[in-house]
Amino acid sequence: MATKMTGMERRPETLGSSTFPGATFPRRDHWQIIAVLIAALVCLVGAGDAPAASKSPVRKVKYGAIAMDRETRAVGYSYDFLLSRDAKREALKQCGSDTCEVMVAFRSACGVIAEGKNKLWTATGATRQEAQAKVLRRCGKNCPVLAWACTR
């Protein structure tokens, strides 16, 4: 049974497209309310994450290096520098010879130099023990460790 519309009743707005024929949507002013509620929810969720992120400790990256003179076996090392370049310069300075060269550089880790048969071996690791284990695996168990250094 069809009812006659007098024009006083409010009809929902319809989308007159072929994609959604006869689909009904909320009134226009409802979209504004929905948009405000969504924006408020996004702000609340975002504000909740901010303090947690600021509480986590920020670990600064520290650099170190070991330099050595291959002939005299003079050694220089550095650790806890903010720039890799500065760590390498300090290691060369500590070595004290014009023929010193940076043998190993590391970042928030440890470095080791060991001496094998006619060859120097280097390795890095998260700890001194890890770096030494790596260098001894490559070089052999009888290789003496000449120098090591770690960042804090």
C-alpha atoms as a PDB file:
ATOM      1  CA  MET A   1       0.000   0.000   0.000  1.00  0.00           C
ATOM      2  CA  ALA A   2       1.499   3.282  -1.089  1.00  0.00           C
ATOM      3  CA  THR A   3       1.353   6.298   1.166  1.00  0.00           C
ATOM      4  CA  LYS A   4       1.097   9.772  -0.164  1.00  0.00           C
ATOM      5  CA  MET A   5       3.827  12.261   0.858  1.00  0.00           C
ATOM      6  CA  THR A   6       2.542  15.660   1.888  1.00  0.00           C
ATOM      7  CA  GLY A   7       5.948  17.388   1.755  1.00  0.00           C
ATOM      8  CA  MET A   8       6.082  17.842   5.522  1.00  0.00           C
ATOM      9  CA  GLU A   9       7.917  14.579   6.160  1.00  0.00           C
ATOM     10  CA  ARG A  10      11.744  14.542   6.003  1.00  0.00           C
ATOM     11  CA  ARG A  11      13.134  12.054   3.586  1.00  0.00           C
ATOM     12  CA  PRO A  12      16.738  10.889   3.804  1.00  0.00           C
ATOM     13  CA  GLU A  13      18.952  12.197   1.037  1.00  0.00           C
ATOM     14  CA  THR A  14      19.569   9.663  -1.668  1.00  0.00           C
ATOM     15  CA  LEU A  15      22.570   9.311  -3.856  1.00  0.00           C
ATOM     16  CA  GLY A  16      21.376   9.295  -7.431  1.00  0.00           C
ATOM     17  CA  SER A  17      24.198   7.347  -9.001  1.00  0.00           C
ATOM     18  CA  SER A  18      24.283   4.076 -10.811  1.00  0.00           C
ATOM     19  CA  THR A  19      26.848   2.765  -8.326  1.00  0.00           C
ATOM     20  CA  PHE A  20      24.498   3.061  -5.325  1.00  0.00           C
ATOM     21  CA  PRO A  21      20.958   3.208  -6.753  1.00  0.00           C
ATOM     22  CA  GLY A  22      18.451   4.093  -4.062  1.00  0.00           C
ATOM     23  CA  ALA A  23      21.071   4.122  -1.287  1.00  0.00           C
ATOM     24  CA  THR A  24      20.238   6.297   1.700  1.00  0.00           C
ATOM     25  CA  PHE A  25      22.814   8.259   3.634  1.00  0.00           C
ATOM     26  CA  PRO A  26      22.624  10.344   6.824  1.00  0.00           C
ATOM     27  CA  ARG A  27      21.792  14.000   6.573  1.00  0.00           C
ATOM     28  CA  ARG A  28      24.542  16.440   5.634  1.00  0.00           C
ATOM     29  CA  ASP A  29      24.881  17.874   9.147  1.00  0.00           C
ATOM     30  CA  HIS A  30      25.442  14.347  10.504  1.00  0.00           C
ATOM     31  CA  TRP A  31      28.601  14.044   8.374  1.00  0.00           C
ATOM     32  CA  GLN A  32      30.011  17.117  10.097  1.00  0.00           C
ATOM     33  CA  ILE A  33      29.357  15.614  13.527  1.00  0.00           C
ATOM     34  CA  ILE A  34      30.917  12.324  12.453  1.00  0.00           C
ATOM     35  CA  ALA A  35      33.983  14.152  11.097  1.00  0.00           C
ATOM     36  CA  VAL A  36      34.442  16.065  14.371  1.00  0.00           C
ATOM     37  CA  LEU A  37      34.153  12.858  16.398  1.00  0.00           C
ATOM     38  CA  ILE A  38      36.719  11.077  14.220  1.00  0.00           C
ATOM     39  CA  ALA A  39      39.127  14.022  14.503  1.00  0.00           C
ATOM     40  CA  ALA A  40      38.737  14.039  18.294  1.00  0.00           C
ATOM     41  CA  LEU A  41      39.389  10.300  18.432  1.00  0.00           C
ATOM     42  CA  VAL A  42      42.523  10.644  16.311  1.00  0.00           C
ATOM     43  CA  CYS A  43      43.804  13.424  18.591  1.00  0.00           C
ATOM     44  CA  LEU A  44      43.196  11.337  21.707  1.00  0.00           C
ATOM     45  CA  VAL A  45      44.931   8.279  20.289  1.00  0.00           C
ATOM     46  CA  GLY A  46      47.867  10.360  19.051  1.00  0.00           C
ATOM     47  CA  ALA A  47      48.197  12.179  22.398  1.00  0.00           C
ATOM     48  CA  GLY A  48      48.303   8.865  24.213  1.00  0.00           C
ATOM     49  CA  ASP A  49      51.351   7.718  22.254  1.00  0.00           C
ATOM     50  CA  ALA A  50      53.427  10.872  22.691  1.00  0.00           C
ATOM     51  CA  PRO A  51      54.421  10.467  26.371  1.00  0.00           C
ATOM     52  CA  ALA A  52      55.323   6.803  25.898  1.00  0.00           C
ATOM     53  CA  ALA A  53      57.674   7.651  23.038  1.00  0.00           C
ATOM     54  CA  SER A  54      59.395  10.373  25.033  1.00  0.00           C
ATOM     55  CA  LYS A  55      59.978   8.026  28.001  1.00  0.00           C
ATOM     56  CA  SER A  56      62.017   5.509  26.011  1.00  0.00           C
ATOM     57  CA  PRO A  57      65.747   6.089  26.417  1.00  0.00           C
ATOM     58  CA  VAL A  58      67.597   7.355  23.386  1.00  0.00           C
ATOM     59  CA  ARG A  59      70.888   5.576  23.005  1.00  0.00           C
ATOM     60  CA  LYS A  60      73.484   7.703  21.336  1.00  0.00           C
ATOM     61  CA  VAL A  61      75.717   6.022  18.829  1.00  0.00           C
ATOM     62  CA  LYS A  62      79.373   5.971  19.901  1.00  0.00           C
ATOM     63  CA  TYR A  63      82.333   5.306  17.625  1.00  0.00           C
ATOM     64  CA  GLY A  64      85.761   3.827  18.262  1.00  0.00           C
ATOM     65  CA  ALA A  65      88.838   2.768  16.321  1.00  0.00           C
ATOM     66  CA  ILE A  66      92.169   0.980  16.673  1.00  0.00           C
ATOM     67  CA  ALA A  67      95.227   2.133  14.729  1.00  0.00           C
ATOM     68  CA  MET A  68      98.537   0.298  14.418  1.00  0.00           C
ATOM     69  CA  ASP A  69     101.972   0.684  12.924  1.00  0.00           C
ATOM     70  CA  ARG A  70     102.598  -2.595  11.102  1.00  0.00           C
ATOM     71  CA  GLU A  71     106.370  -2.475  11.558  1.00  0.00           C
ATOM     72  CA  THR A  72     106.793  -1.306  15.151  1.00  0.00           C
ATOM     73  CA  ARG A  73     103.451  -2.708  16.382  1.00  0.00           C
ATOM     74  CA  ALA A  74     102.704   0.621  18.091  1.00  0.00           C
ATOM     75  CA  VAL A  75      98.983   0.806  18.897  1.00  0.00           C
ATOM     76  CA  GLY A  76      96.527   3.627  19.421  1.00  0.00           C
ATOM     77  CA  TYR A  77      92.866   3.310  20.207  1.00  0.00           C
ATOM     78  CA  SER A  78      89.830   5.478  20.822  1.00  0.00           C
ATOM     79  CA  TYR A  79      86.274   4.961  21.998  1.00  0.00           C
ATOM     80  CA  ASP A  80      83.059   6.857  22.790  1.00  0.00           C
ATOM     81  CA  PHE A  81      83.369   9.499  20.075  1.00  0.00           C
ATOM     82  CA  LEU A  82      80.265  11.024  18.488  1.00  0.00           C
ATOM     83  CA  LEU A  83      81.772  10.916  14.973  1.00  0.00           C
ATOM     84  CA  SER A  84      83.617   8.065  13.295  1.00  0.00           C
ATOM     85  CA  ARG A  85      86.085  10.510  11.777  1.00  0.00           C
ATOM     86  CA  ASP A  86      87.039  11.859  15.222  1.00  0.00           C
ATOM     87  CA  ALA A  87      87.498   8.344  16.613  1.00  0.00           C
ATOM     88  CA  LYS A  88      89.851   7.447  13.755  1.00  0.00           C
ATOM     89  CA  ARG A  89      91.857  10.653  14.154  1.00  0.00           C
ATOM     90  CA  GLU A  90      92.287  10.050  17.878  1.00  0.00           C
ATOM     91  CA  ALA A  91      93.411   6.454  17.341  1.00  0.00           C
ATOM     92  CA  LEU A  92      96.023   7.639  14.817  1.00  0.00           C
ATOM     93  CA  LYS A  93      97.160  10.346  17.230  1.00  0.00           C
ATOM     94  CA  GLN A  94      97.491   7.828  20.087  1.00  0.00           C
ATOM     95  CA  CYS A  95      99.475   5.490  17.863  1.00  0.00           C
ATOM     96  CA  GLY A  96     102.105   8.201  17.494  1.00  0.00           C
ATOM     97  CA  SER A  97     103.803   7.191  14.247  1.00  0.00           C
ATOM     98  CA  ASP A  98     103.495   8.603  10.740  1.00  0.00           C
ATOM     99  CA  THR A  99     103.075   5.093   9.384  1.00  0.00           C
ATOM    100  CA  CYS A 100     100.153   4.171  11.643  1.00  0.00           C
ATOM    101  CA  GLU A 101      96.935   3.199   9.938  1.00  0.00           C
ATOM    102  CA  VAL A 102      93.440   2.554  11.196  1.00  0.00           C
ATOM    103  CA  MET A 103      93.045  -1.197  11.262  1.00  0.00           C
ATOM    104  CA  VAL A 104      89.483  -1.470  12.607  1.00  0.00           C
ATOM    105  CA  ALA A 105      86.677   0.989  13.315  1.00  0.00           C
ATOM    106  CA  PHE A 106      83.470   0.159  15.135  1.00  0.00           C
ATOM    107  CA  ARG A 107      80.123   1.670  16.089  1.00  0.00           C
ATOM    108  CA  SER A 108      78.559   0.961  19.496  1.00  0.00           C
ATOM    109  CA  ALA A 109      80.596  -2.226  19.668  1.00  0.00           C
ATOM    110  CA  CYS A 110      84.104  -3.614  20.242  1.00  0.00           C
ATOM    111  CA  GLY A 111      87.071  -4.081  17.938  1.00  0.00           C
ATOM    112  CA  VAL A 112      90.020  -6.489  18.178  1.00  0.00           C
ATOM    113  CA  ILE A 113      93.345  -6.928  16.365  1.00  0.00           C
ATOM    114  CA  ALA A 114      95.178 -10.283  16.483  1.00  0.00           C
ATOM    115  CA  GLU A 115      98.447 -11.349  14.881  1.00  0.00           C
ATOM    116  CA  GLY A 116      98.613 -14.459  12.751  1.00  0.00           C
ATOM    117  CA  LYS A 117     101.415 -15.838  10.596  1.00  0.00           C
ATOM    118  CA  ASN A 118     102.583 -12.765   8.646  1.00  0.00           C
ATOM    119  CA  LYS A 119      99.128 -11.221   8.811  1.00  0.00           C
ATOM    120  CA  LEU A 120      97.026  -9.040  11.113  1.00  0.00           C
ATOM    121  CA  TRP A 121      93.418 -10.046  11.660  1.00  0.00           C
ATOM    122  CA  THR A 122      90.592  -7.785  12.808  1.00  0.00           C
ATOM    123  CA  ALA A 123      87.036  -8.315  13.974  1.00  0.00           C
ATOM    124  CA  THR A 124      84.193  -6.449  15.620  1.00  0.00           C
ATOM    125  CA  GLY A 125      81.449  -7.656  17.926  1.00  0.00           C
ATOM    126  CA  ALA A 126      78.820  -6.506  20.365  1.00  0.00           C
ATOM    127  CA  THR A 127      81.139  -7.440  23.255  1.00  0.00           C
ATOM    128  CA  ARG A 128      84.867  -7.931  23.682  1.00  0.00           C
ATOM    129  CA  GLN A 129      84.353 -11.692  24.007  1.00  0.00           C
ATOM    130  CA  GLU A 130      82.350 -11.834  20.768  1.00  0.00           C
ATOM    131  CA  ALA A 131      84.957  -9.813  18.854  1.00  0.00           C
ATOM    132  CA  GLN A 132      87.794 -11.973  20.200  1.00  0.00           C
ATOM    133  CA  ALA A 133      85.953 -15.190  19.381  1.00  0.00           C
ATOM    134  CA  LYS A 134      85.428 -13.975  15.798  1.00  0.00           C
ATOM    135  CA  VAL A 135      89.053 -12.966  15.289  1.00  0.00           C
ATOM    136  CA  LEU A 136      90.363 -16.232  16.772  1.00  0.00           C
ATOM    137  CA  ARG A 137      88.026 -18.266  14.531  1.00  0.00           C
ATOM    138  CA  ARG A 138      89.535 -16.533  11.496  1.00  0.00           C
ATOM    139  CA  CYS A 139      93.119 -16.446  12.644  1.00  0.00           C
ATOM    140  CA  GLY A 140      93.469 -19.609  14.701  1.00  0.00           C
ATOM    141  CA  LYS A 141      93.514 -20.318  18.416  1.00  0.00           C
ATOM    142  CA  ASN A 142      97.221 -19.556  18.823  1.00  0.00           C
ATOM    143  CA  CYS A 143      97.001 -15.961  17.544  1.00  0.00           C
ATOM    144  CA  PRO A 144      97.824 -13.403  20.211  1.00  0.00           C
ATOM    145  CA  VAL A 145      95.388 -10.504  20.600  1.00  0.00           C
ATOM    146  CA  LEU A 146      97.426  -7.304  20.180  1.00  0.00           C
ATOM    147  CA  ALA A 147      94.743  -4.733  21.006  1.00  0.00           C
ATOM    148  CA  TRP A 148      91.066  -4.330  21.770  1.00  0.00           C
ATOM    149  CA  ALA A 149      88.717  -1.457  22.527  1.00  0.00           C
ATOM    150  CA  CYS A 150      84.988  -1.076  23.194  1.00  0.00           C
ATOM    151  CA  THR A 151      82.526   1.773  23.296  1.00  0.00           C
ATOM    152  CA  ARG A 152      80.497   2.069  26.478  1.00  0.00           C
END
